[in-house]
Amino acid sequence: MKSIIPNPRFEGGIPDAQFIREKVPVAEVASALDLEVFDNRMIRCWHPERHHHGDRTPSVGIYRQYNKVKCFGCEGKLLGPIDLVVDVRECTLREAIHWIAQRFAVPSIPKGKQLVKPKGHVARYGYERPIELLLRSGLWAKMSRPAQLLAVVFVELKVEGQRDESWELEISYRALARYSGLKSDASVSKGLNDLAGIGWLQRQRRRTGRSRGPVRETATYIVTPFSDAVRELANATAADLRAAIDEERQMRAEKRAQRTREWRQAKRRWDA
C-alpha cells in the first residue's frame, strides 16, 4: 500500500485526526489491522462470535465514498478509520490516532493551529428539508456530482401534496439527463447508484410501450431522503468533525501536561 510509511514523527504538532477520518482509506486501515478484505468491497467481521457460522459469508460493507464500514450481520454502527481501530484493537481514541499515524502518511497540525467548528445553523435533525439534511450534515460535500444534481431534480419534481418523508417519481434516463445537465447515461447511472447506495432512493424499473432500436425504459423511483440509512450516515458524518475537534483538544491538553511535567522535572534537577 503506497500510503503506508514507517513511524512518522510529529515534532511540535499532533496527528491530524480530521485528515485521518477523510483521507486515510478505511479499507487500507482494515488491511493494516489484518482483517480479511475482499475484492467485492466486503470485510469479514472481526466479531465472529456475533454471527452464525463465524461470519463465513463476509458481512461488513465498505462505503468507500464516505470512508466508512458497517457490519450488516451484527447490526454494528458506521465506523470510520479511527473508530474501526478502536473497535478492533479495543483501545482509546488517542491510541487509535497514533496507531494510524505510525502506519500512514498523516500530516501534523502545527502548534497554535486549531480546528474550528463551522459557524452557522446547527442541523435540525427531524425538521430539515431533504437537501438541507445533506448539506448541513456534511454528506453533500462527499457526494458525487451526478448524485448531487439528481438529488436536486428529484426534490424539485416532487408533486405538490406528496409526503416529504417519501414520494414516487416516474421518469426516464433521458429526462433525468435533461433536467440535471448530465451528459451521458453512465453519469445518470452513477448518480442513481450513489443515491441508492446511501438509502436515498429505491428503483422499480419497468418497460413502457414499444420503440424501434434500443428499448427505452422508464422507472418509478421511491425517494426516501429521511430513511434510517440516510439519517445514520448523516449523523455519523456530522459527528466526525465534532469528534476530530474533541480528539485534537484532548491530545493538545496531554502534550501541554507532558511539557509541564518535563519542565518541573528539569527545574527540580536544576534546583538540586
C-alpha atoms as a PDB file:
ATOM      1  CA  MET A   1       0.000   0.000   0.000  1.00  0.00           C
ATOM      2  CA  LYS A   2       1.568   3.255  -1.134  1.00  0.00           C
ATOM      3  CA  SER A   3       0.170   5.343   1.697  1.00  0.00           C
ATOM      4  CA  ILE A   4       1.915   3.362   4.442  1.00  0.00           C
ATOM      5  CA  ILE A   5       5.166   4.834   5.745  1.00  0.00           C
ATOM      6  CA  PRO A   6       7.333   3.839   8.695  1.00  0.00           C
ATOM      7  CA  ASN A   7       6.872   5.619  12.004  1.00  0.00           C
ATOM      8  CA  PRO A   8       6.408   9.319  11.145  1.00  0.00           C
ATOM      9  CA  ARG A   9       7.139  11.816  13.916  1.00  0.00           C
ATOM     10  CA  PHE A  10       5.101  14.834  14.927  1.00  0.00           C
ATOM     11  CA  GLU A  11       7.620  17.230  16.392  1.00  0.00           C
ATOM     12  CA  GLY A  12       5.815  20.355  17.569  1.00  0.00           C
ATOM     13  CA  GLY A  13       2.389  19.188  16.428  1.00  0.00           C
ATOM     14  CA  ILE A  14      -0.204  16.425  16.675  1.00  0.00           C
ATOM     15  CA  PRO A  15      -1.629  13.990  14.081  1.00  0.00           C
ATOM     16  CA  ASP A  16      -4.473  15.497  12.060  1.00  0.00           C
ATOM     17  CA  ALA A  17      -7.464  13.384  13.113  1.00  0.00           C
ATOM     18  CA  GLN A  18      -9.770  15.040  10.588  1.00  0.00           C
ATOM     19  CA  PHE A  19      -7.372  14.092   7.780  1.00  0.00           C
ATOM     20  CA  ILE A  20      -7.410  10.506   9.028  1.00  0.00           C
ATOM     21  CA  ARG A  21     -11.213  10.378   9.006  1.00  0.00           C
ATOM     22  CA  GLU A  22     -11.495  11.815   5.495  1.00  0.00           C
ATOM     23  CA  LYS A  23      -8.339  10.814   3.610  1.00  0.00           C
ATOM     24  CA  VAL A  24      -6.892   7.604   5.061  1.00  0.00           C
ATOM     25  CA  PRO A  25      -8.793   4.809   3.227  1.00  0.00           C
ATOM     26  CA  VAL A  26     -10.748   2.759   5.718  1.00  0.00           C
ATOM     27  CA  ALA A  27     -10.229  -0.362   3.561  1.00  0.00           C
ATOM     28  CA  GLU A  28      -6.442   0.070   3.854  1.00  0.00           C
ATOM     29  CA  VAL A  29      -6.770   0.539   7.611  1.00  0.00           C
ATOM     30  CA  ALA A  30      -8.726  -2.727   7.715  1.00  0.00           C
ATOM     31  CA  SER A  31      -5.913  -4.461   5.836  1.00  0.00           C
ATOM     32  CA  ALA A  32      -3.335  -2.976   8.221  1.00  0.00           C
ATOM     33  CA  LEU A  33      -5.400  -4.467  11.063  1.00  0.00           C
ATOM     34  CA  ASP A  34      -5.036  -7.882   9.364  1.00  0.00           C
ATOM     35  CA  LEU A  35      -8.750  -8.102   8.640  1.00  0.00           C
ATOM     36  CA  GLU A  36      -9.886 -10.096   5.607  1.00  0.00           C
ATOM     37  CA  VAL A  37     -10.775  -7.575   2.879  1.00  0.00           C
ATOM     38  CA  PHE A  38     -12.402  -8.987  -0.257  1.00  0.00           C
ATOM     39  CA  ASP A  39     -12.472  -7.637  -3.808  1.00  0.00           C
ATOM     40  CA  ASN A  40     -16.221  -7.255  -3.693  1.00  0.00           C
ATOM     41  CA  ARG A  41     -15.803  -4.463  -1.130  1.00  0.00           C
ATOM     42  CA  MET A  42     -16.663  -6.627   1.820  1.00  0.00           C
ATOM     43  CA  ILE A  43     -14.753  -7.438   5.017  1.00  0.00           C
ATOM     44  CA  ARG A  44     -15.107 -10.453   7.262  1.00  0.00           C
ATOM     45  CA  CYS A  45     -16.387  -9.271  10.636  1.00  0.00           C
ATOM     46  CA  TRP A  46     -13.828  -9.204  13.446  1.00  0.00           C
ATOM     47  CA  HIS A  47     -16.570 -10.277  15.877  1.00  0.00           C
ATOM     48  CA  PRO A  48     -17.277 -13.802  14.581  1.00  0.00           C
ATOM     49  CA  GLU A  49     -18.991 -14.708  17.856  1.00  0.00           C
ATOM     50  CA  ARG A  50     -21.846 -12.386  16.886  1.00  0.00           C
ATOM     51  CA  HIS A  51     -22.558 -14.293  13.658  1.00  0.00           C
ATOM     52  CA  HIS A  52     -23.891 -17.678  12.664  1.00  0.00           C
ATOM     53  CA  HIS A  53     -21.044 -19.830  11.344  1.00  0.00           C
ATOM     54  CA  GLY A  54     -18.488 -17.191  12.359  1.00  0.00           C
ATOM     55  CA  ASP A  55     -19.387 -14.776   9.546  1.00  0.00           C
ATOM     56  CA  ARG A  56     -18.435 -17.345   6.900  1.00  0.00           C
ATOM     57  CA  THR A  57     -20.015 -15.042   4.333  1.00  0.00           C
ATOM     58  CA  PRO A  58     -18.469 -11.577   4.922  1.00  0.00           C
ATOM     59  CA  SER A  59     -20.986  -9.143   6.360  1.00  0.00           C
ATOM     60  CA  VAL A  60     -19.073  -5.857   6.632  1.00  0.00           C
ATOM     61  CA  GLY A  61     -19.765  -3.465   3.766  1.00  0.00           C
ATOM     62  CA  ILE A  62     -17.367  -0.671   2.764  1.00  0.00           C
ATOM     63  CA  TYR A  63     -18.755   2.790   1.953  1.00  0.00           C
ATOM     64  CA  ARG A  64     -15.675   3.934   0.036  1.00  0.00           C
ATOM     65  CA  GLN A  65     -17.084   7.307  -0.951  1.00  0.00           C
ATOM     66  CA  TYR A  66     -17.838   8.136   2.682  1.00  0.00           C
ATOM     67  CA  ASN A  67     -14.803   6.262   4.072  1.00  0.00           C
ATOM     68  CA  LYS A  68     -16.800   4.126   6.472  1.00  0.00           C
ATOM     69  CA  VAL A  69     -17.635   0.479   7.110  1.00  0.00           C
ATOM     70  CA  LYS A  70     -20.694  -1.174   8.606  1.00  0.00           C
ATOM     71  CA  CYS A  71     -21.415  -4.741   9.643  1.00  0.00           C
ATOM     72  CA  PHE A  72     -24.878  -5.780   8.480  1.00  0.00           C
ATOM     73  CA  GLY A  73     -24.710  -9.120  10.277  1.00  0.00           C
ATOM     74  CA  CYS A  74     -24.393  -7.878  13.842  1.00  0.00           C
ATOM     75  CA  GLU A  75     -26.097  -4.510  13.215  1.00  0.00           C
ATOM     76  CA  GLY A  76     -22.978  -2.548  14.057  1.00  0.00           C
ATOM     77  CA  LYS A  77     -22.761   1.214  13.649  1.00  0.00           C
ATOM     78  CA  LEU A  78     -20.952   3.044  10.869  1.00  0.00           C
ATOM     79  CA  LEU A  79     -17.233   3.187  11.595  1.00  0.00           C
ATOM     80  CA  GLY A  80     -14.577   5.451  10.133  1.00  0.00           C
ATOM     81  CA  PRO A  81     -10.833   4.629  10.197  1.00  0.00           C
ATOM     82  CA  ILE A  82     -10.292   5.759  13.806  1.00  0.00           C
ATOM     83  CA  ASP A  83     -13.450   4.103  15.146  1.00  0.00           C
ATOM     84  CA  LEU A  84     -12.522   0.886  13.340  1.00  0.00           C
ATOM     85  CA  VAL A  85      -9.128   0.749  15.071  1.00  0.00           C
ATOM     86  CA  VAL A  86     -10.768   1.499  18.435  1.00  0.00           C
ATOM     87  CA  ASP A  87     -13.264  -1.338  17.955  1.00  0.00           C
ATOM     88  CA  VAL A  88     -10.815  -3.932  16.624  1.00  0.00           C
ATOM     89  CA  ARG A  89      -7.899  -3.191  18.961  1.00  0.00           C
ATOM     90  CA  GLU A  90     -10.095  -2.208  21.937  1.00  0.00           C
ATOM     91  CA  CYS A  91      -8.036   0.911  22.550  1.00  0.00           C
ATOM     92  CA  THR A  92      -8.670   4.608  23.204  1.00  0.00           C
ATOM     93  CA  LEU A  93      -9.241   7.232  20.512  1.00  0.00           C
ATOM     94  CA  ARG A  94      -5.838   8.746  21.182  1.00  0.00           C
ATOM     95  CA  GLU A  95      -4.130   5.359  20.859  1.00  0.00           C
ATOM     96  CA  ALA A  96      -6.028   4.665  17.622  1.00  0.00           C
ATOM     97  CA  ILE A  97      -4.995   8.003  16.101  1.00  0.00           C
ATOM     98  CA  HIS A  98      -1.335   7.400  16.894  1.00  0.00           C
ATOM     99  CA  TRP A  99      -1.575   3.781  15.675  1.00  0.00           C
ATOM    100  CA  ILE A 100      -2.794   5.009  12.278  1.00  0.00           C
ATOM    101  CA  ALA A 101      -0.291   7.893  12.190  1.00  0.00           C
ATOM    102  CA  GLN A 102       2.560   5.418  12.669  1.00  0.00           C
ATOM    103  CA  ARG A 103       1.482   3.456   9.575  1.00  0.00           C
ATOM    104  CA  PHE A 104       0.057   6.010   7.141  1.00  0.00           C
ATOM    105  CA  ALA A 105       1.187   9.344   5.733  1.00  0.00           C
ATOM    106  CA  VAL A 106      -0.752  11.570   8.134  1.00  0.00           C
ATOM    107  CA  PRO A 107       0.164  15.281   8.338  1.00  0.00           C
ATOM    108  CA  SER A 108       0.512  17.007  11.664  1.00  0.00           C
ATOM    109  CA  ILE A 109      -1.371  20.035  12.906  1.00  0.00           C
ATOM    110  CA  PRO A 110       1.266  22.658  13.780  1.00  0.00           C
ATOM    111  CA  LYS A 111       1.369  24.128  17.236  1.00  0.00           C
ATOM    112  CA  GLY A 112      -1.022  27.066  17.504  1.00  0.00           C
ATOM    113  CA  LYS A 113      -3.249  25.979  14.604  1.00  0.00           C
ATOM    114  CA  GLN A 114      -6.562  24.502  15.662  1.00  0.00           C
ATOM    115  CA  LEU A 115      -9.681  23.111  14.033  1.00  0.00           C
ATOM    116  CA  VAL A 116     -12.614  25.491  14.249  1.00  0.00           C
ATOM    117  CA  LYS A 117     -16.246  24.478  14.435  1.00  0.00           C
ATOM    118  CA  PRO A 118     -18.131  25.841  11.416  1.00  0.00           C
ATOM    119  CA  LYS A 119     -20.308  28.849  12.124  1.00  0.00           C
ATOM    120  CA  GLY A 120     -23.966  28.979  11.184  1.00  0.00           C
ATOM    121  CA  HIS A 121     -27.026  26.890  11.927  1.00  0.00           C
ATOM    122  CA  VAL A 122     -26.853  23.543  13.586  1.00  0.00           C
ATOM    123  CA  ALA A 123     -28.536  20.728  11.679  1.00  0.00           C
ATOM    124  CA  ARG A 124     -32.080  20.385  12.990  1.00  0.00           C
ATOM    125  CA  TYR A 125     -32.475  16.634  12.644  1.00  0.00           C
ATOM    126  CA  GLY A 126     -36.140  15.812  12.230  1.00  0.00           C
ATOM    127  CA  TYR A 127     -37.063  19.240  10.867  1.00  0.00           C
ATOM    128  CA  GLU A 128     -34.728  19.795   7.921  1.00  0.00           C
ATOM    129  CA  ARG A 129     -35.622  19.616   4.249  1.00  0.00           C
ATOM    130  CA  PRO A 130     -34.169  16.824   2.057  1.00  0.00           C
ATOM    131  CA  ILE A 131     -31.284  18.839   0.574  1.00  0.00           C
ATOM    132  CA  GLU A 132     -30.762  20.701   3.854  1.00  0.00           C
ATOM    133  CA  LEU A 133     -30.077  17.430   5.660  1.00  0.00           C
ATOM    134  CA  LEU A 134     -27.401  16.523   3.105  1.00  0.00           C
ATOM    135  CA  LEU A 135     -25.826  19.978   3.241  1.00  0.00           C
ATOM    136  CA  ARG A 136     -25.737  20.564   6.981  1.00  0.00           C
ATOM    137  CA  SER A 137     -24.599  17.091   7.900  1.00  0.00           C
ATOM    138  CA  GLY A 138     -21.636  17.329   5.520  1.00  0.00           C
ATOM    139  CA  LEU A 139     -22.868  14.495   3.279  1.00  0.00           C
ATOM    140  CA  TRP A 140     -23.362  16.830   0.314  1.00  0.00           C
ATOM    141  CA  ALA A 141     -19.644  17.612   0.093  1.00  0.00           C
ATOM    142  CA  LYS A 142     -18.841  13.886  -0.053  1.00  0.00           C
ATOM    143  CA  MET A 143     -21.432  13.036  -2.735  1.00  0.00           C
ATOM    144  CA  SER A 144     -20.500  12.681  -6.394  1.00  0.00           C
ATOM    145  CA  ARG A 145     -21.539  15.488  -8.729  1.00  0.00           C
ATOM    146  CA  PRO A 146     -24.108  13.272 -10.545  1.00  0.00           C
ATOM    147  CA  ALA A 147     -25.683  12.317  -7.206  1.00  0.00           C
ATOM    148  CA  GLN A 148     -25.905  15.978  -6.160  1.00  0.00           C
ATOM    149  CA  LEU A 149     -27.566  17.021  -9.421  1.00  0.00           C
ATOM    150  CA  LEU A 150     -30.045  14.142  -9.420  1.00  0.00           C
ATOM    151  CA  ALA A 151     -30.976  14.735  -5.782  1.00  0.00           C
ATOM    152  CA  VAL A 152     -31.978  18.297  -6.678  1.00  0.00           C
ATOM    153  CA  VAL A 153     -34.014  17.044  -9.661  1.00  0.00           C
ATOM    154  CA  PHE A 154     -35.918  14.514  -7.552  1.00  0.00           C
ATOM    155  CA  VAL A 155     -36.718  17.122  -4.918  1.00  0.00           C
ATOM    156  CA  GLU A 156     -37.794  19.813  -7.375  1.00  0.00           C
ATOM    157  CA  LEU A 157     -40.006  17.439  -9.400  1.00  0.00           C
ATOM    158  CA  LYS A 158     -41.872  16.198  -6.329  1.00  0.00           C
ATOM    159  CA  VAL A 159     -45.593  16.641  -6.907  1.00  0.00           C
ATOM    160  CA  GLU A 160     -47.221  19.093  -4.523  1.00  0.00           C
ATOM    161  CA  GLY A 161     -49.141  17.313  -1.818  1.00  0.00           C
ATOM    162  CA  GLN A 162     -46.883  14.260  -1.676  1.00  0.00           C
ATOM    163  CA  ARG A 163     -45.368  13.372   1.691  1.00  0.00           C
ATOM    164  CA  ASP A 164     -41.979  14.902   2.436  1.00  0.00           C
ATOM    165  CA  GLU A 165     -40.735  11.656   4.018  1.00  0.00           C
ATOM    166  CA  SER A 166     -41.054   9.705   0.762  1.00  0.00           C
ATOM    167  CA  TRP A 167     -42.602  10.067  -2.675  1.00  0.00           C
ATOM    168  CA  GLU A 168     -42.715   8.373  -6.066  1.00  0.00           C
ATOM    169  CA  LEU A 169     -41.489   9.769  -9.355  1.00  0.00           C
ATOM    170  CA  GLU A 170     -41.729   8.040 -12.722  1.00  0.00           C
ATOM    171  CA  ILE A 171     -39.071   9.363 -15.093  1.00  0.00           C
ATOM    172  CA  SER A 172     -36.708   8.178 -17.831  1.00  0.00           C
ATOM    173  CA  TYR A 173     -32.922   8.392 -18.084  1.00  0.00           C
ATOM    174  CA  ARG A 174     -33.301  10.928 -20.873  1.00  0.00           C
ATOM    175  CA  ALA A 175     -35.443  13.211 -18.717  1.00  0.00           C
ATOM    176  CA  LEU A 176     -33.075  12.874 -15.768  1.00  0.00           C
ATOM    177  CA  ALA A 177     -30.172  13.818 -18.025  1.00  0.00           C
ATOM    178  CA  ARG A 178     -32.076  16.770 -19.475  1.00  0.00           C
ATOM    179  CA  TYR A 179     -33.140  18.218 -16.128  1.00  0.00           C
ATOM    180  CA  SER A 180     -29.811  17.606 -14.378  1.00  0.00           C
ATOM    181  CA  GLY A 181     -27.491  18.598 -17.197  1.00  0.00           C
ATOM    182  CA  LEU A 182     -25.671  15.265 -17.104  1.00  0.00           C
ATOM    183  CA  LYS A 183     -24.271  14.329 -20.499  1.00  0.00           C
ATOM    184  CA  SER A 184     -24.394  10.537 -20.517  1.00  0.00           C
ATOM    185  CA  ASP A 185     -26.400   7.563 -19.320  1.00  0.00           C
ATOM    186  CA  ALA A 186     -23.286   6.431 -17.455  1.00  0.00           C
ATOM    187  CA  SER A 187     -23.307   9.629 -15.378  1.00  0.00           C
ATOM    188  CA  VAL A 188     -27.025   9.221 -14.650  1.00  0.00           C
ATOM    189  CA  SER A 189     -26.456   5.600 -13.664  1.00  0.00           C
ATOM    190  CA  LYS A 190     -23.605   6.567 -11.331  1.00  0.00           C
ATOM    191  CA  GLY A 191     -25.708   9.231  -9.639  1.00  0.00           C
ATOM    192  CA  LEU A 192     -28.618   6.839  -9.160  1.00  0.00           C
ATOM    193  CA  ASN A 193     -26.333   4.119  -7.801  1.00  0.00           C
ATOM    194  CA  ASP A 194     -24.763   6.551  -5.334  1.00  0.00           C
ATOM    195  CA  LEU A 195     -28.156   7.738  -4.084  1.00  0.00           C
ATOM    196  CA  ALA A 196     -29.464   4.182  -3.811  1.00  0.00           C
ATOM    197  CA  GLY A 197     -26.272   3.166  -2.016  1.00  0.00           C
ATOM    198  CA  ILE A 198     -26.970   5.511   0.897  1.00  0.00           C
ATOM    199  CA  GLY A 199     -30.682   4.689   1.031  1.00  0.00           C
ATOM    200  CA  TRP A 200     -31.820   7.992  -0.500  1.00  0.00           C
ATOM    201  CA  LEU A 201     -33.962   6.284  -3.157  1.00  0.00           C
ATOM    202  CA  GLN A 202     -35.131   2.916  -4.450  1.00  0.00           C
ATOM    203  CA  ARG A 203     -35.642   1.944  -8.075  1.00  0.00           C
ATOM    204  CA  GLN A 204     -38.530  -0.043  -9.521  1.00  0.00           C
ATOM    205  CA  ARG A 205     -37.767  -0.491 -13.210  1.00  0.00           C
ATOM    206  CA  ARG A 206     -40.408  -1.304 -15.792  1.00  0.00           C
ATOM    207  CA  ARG A 207     -40.740  -1.043 -19.539  1.00  0.00           C
ATOM    208  CA  THR A 208     -43.378   1.173 -21.104  1.00  0.00           C
ATOM    209  CA  GLY A 209     -44.510   0.964 -24.692  1.00  0.00           C
ATOM    210  CA  ARG A 210     -42.517  -0.139 -27.699  1.00  0.00           C
ATOM    211  CA  SER A 211     -39.827   1.632 -29.639  1.00  0.00           C
ATOM    212  CA  ARG A 212     -37.648   0.868 -32.615  1.00  0.00           C
ATOM    213  CA  GLY A 213     -33.987   0.265 -31.982  1.00  0.00           C
ATOM    214  CA  PRO A 214     -32.758   0.136 -28.407  1.00  0.00           C
ATOM    215  CA  VAL A 215     -35.523  -0.374 -25.886  1.00  0.00           C
ATOM    216  CA  ARG A 216     -36.022   2.717 -23.806  1.00  0.00           C
ATOM    217  CA  GLU A 217     -37.112   2.232 -20.252  1.00  0.00           C
ATOM    218  CA  THR A 218     -38.711   4.396 -17.676  1.00  0.00           C
ATOM    219  CA  ALA A 219     -38.614   3.640 -13.984  1.00  0.00           C
ATOM    220  CA  THR A 220     -40.519   4.524 -10.874  1.00  0.00           C
ATOM    221  CA  TYR A 221     -38.276   5.861  -8.155  1.00  0.00           C
ATOM    222  CA  ILE A 222     -39.274   5.856  -4.499  1.00  0.00           C
ATOM    223  CA  VAL A 223     -37.439   8.782  -2.952  1.00  0.00           C
ATOM    224  CA  THR A 224     -36.644   8.304   0.755  1.00  0.00           C
ATOM    225  CA  PRO A 225     -34.451  11.269   1.815  1.00  0.00           C
ATOM    226  CA  PHE A 226     -35.065  10.658   5.519  1.00  0.00           C
ATOM    227  CA  SER A 227     -34.610   6.884   5.614  1.00  0.00           C
ATOM    228  CA  ASP A 228     -32.860   5.311   8.585  1.00  0.00           C
ATOM    229  CA  ALA A 229     -29.798   4.643   6.419  1.00  0.00           C
ATOM    230  CA  VAL A 230     -29.550   8.279   5.314  1.00  0.00           C
ATOM    231  CA  ARG A 231     -30.001   9.579   8.849  1.00  0.00           C
ATOM    232  CA  GLU A 232     -27.411   7.182  10.224  1.00  0.00           C
ATOM    233  CA  LEU A 233     -24.844   8.264   7.630  1.00  0.00           C
ATOM    234  CA  ALA A 234     -25.733  11.949   8.089  1.00  0.00           C
ATOM    235  CA  ASN A 235     -25.348  11.727  11.859  1.00  0.00           C
ATOM    236  CA  ALA A 236     -22.054   9.847  11.544  1.00  0.00           C
ATOM    237  CA  THR A 237     -20.696  12.404   9.062  1.00  0.00           C
ATOM    238  CA  ALA A 238     -21.773  15.373  11.176  1.00  0.00           C
ATOM    239  CA  ALA A 239     -20.218  13.753  14.255  1.00  0.00           C
ATOM    240  CA  ASP A 240     -16.847  13.299  12.554  1.00  0.00           C
ATOM    241  CA  LEU A 241     -15.857  16.969  12.749  1.00  0.00           C
ATOM    242  CA  ARG A 242     -17.012  17.281  16.339  1.00  0.00           C
ATOM    243  CA  ALA A 243     -15.058  14.151  17.230  1.00  0.00           C
ATOM    244  CA  ALA A 244     -11.957  15.405  15.415  1.00  0.00           C
ATOM    245  CA  ILE A 245     -12.108  18.675  17.358  1.00  0.00           C
ATOM    246  CA  ASP A 246     -12.549  16.887  20.699  1.00  0.00           C
ATOM    247  CA  GLU A 247      -9.718  14.466  19.900  1.00  0.00           C
ATOM    248  CA  GLU A 248      -7.422  17.331  18.926  1.00  0.00           C
ATOM    249  CA  ARG A 249      -8.202  19.203  22.147  1.00  0.00           C
ATOM    250  CA  GLN A 250      -7.501  16.095  24.206  1.00  0.00           C
ATOM    251  CA  MET A 251      -4.152  15.455  22.507  1.00  0.00           C
ATOM    252  CA  ARG A 252      -3.132  19.104  22.854  1.00  0.00           C
ATOM    253  CA  ALA A 253      -4.015  19.016  26.550  1.00  0.00           C
ATOM    254  CA  GLU A 254      -1.933  15.866  27.007  1.00  0.00           C
ATOM    255  CA  LYS A 255       1.027  17.471  25.223  1.00  0.00           C
ATOM    256  CA  ARG A 256       0.788  20.550  27.424  1.00  0.00           C
ATOM    257  CA  ALA A 257       0.647  18.364  30.520  1.00  0.00           C
ATOM    258  CA  GLN A 258       3.679  16.411  29.319  1.00  0.00           C
ATOM    259  CA  ARG A 259       5.663  19.621  28.693  1.00  0.00           C
ATOM    260  CA  THR A 260       4.692  20.877  32.153  1.00  0.00           C
ATOM    261  CA  ARG A 261       5.912  17.634  33.771  1.00  0.00           C
ATOM    262  CA  GLU A 262       9.183  17.802  31.860  1.00  0.00           C
ATOM    263  CA  TRP A 263       9.688  21.436  32.860  1.00  0.00           C
ATOM    264  CA  ARG A 264       9.048  20.657  36.539  1.00  0.00           C
ATOM    265  CA  GLN A 265      11.438  17.706  36.436  1.00  0.00           C
ATOM    266  CA  ALA A 266      14.109  19.877  34.830  1.00  0.00           C
ATOM    267  CA  LYS A 267      13.526  22.620  37.408  1.00  0.00           C
ATOM    268  CA  ARG A 268      13.869  20.138  40.281  1.00  0.00           C
ATOM    269  CA  ARG A 269      17.152  18.873  38.839  1.00  0.00           C
ATOM    270  CA  TRP A 270      18.364  22.457  38.424  1.00  0.00           C
ATOM    271  CA  ASP A 271      17.384  23.428  41.984  1.00  0.00           C
ATOM    272  CA  ALA A 272      19.117  20.374  43.366  1.00  0.00           C
END
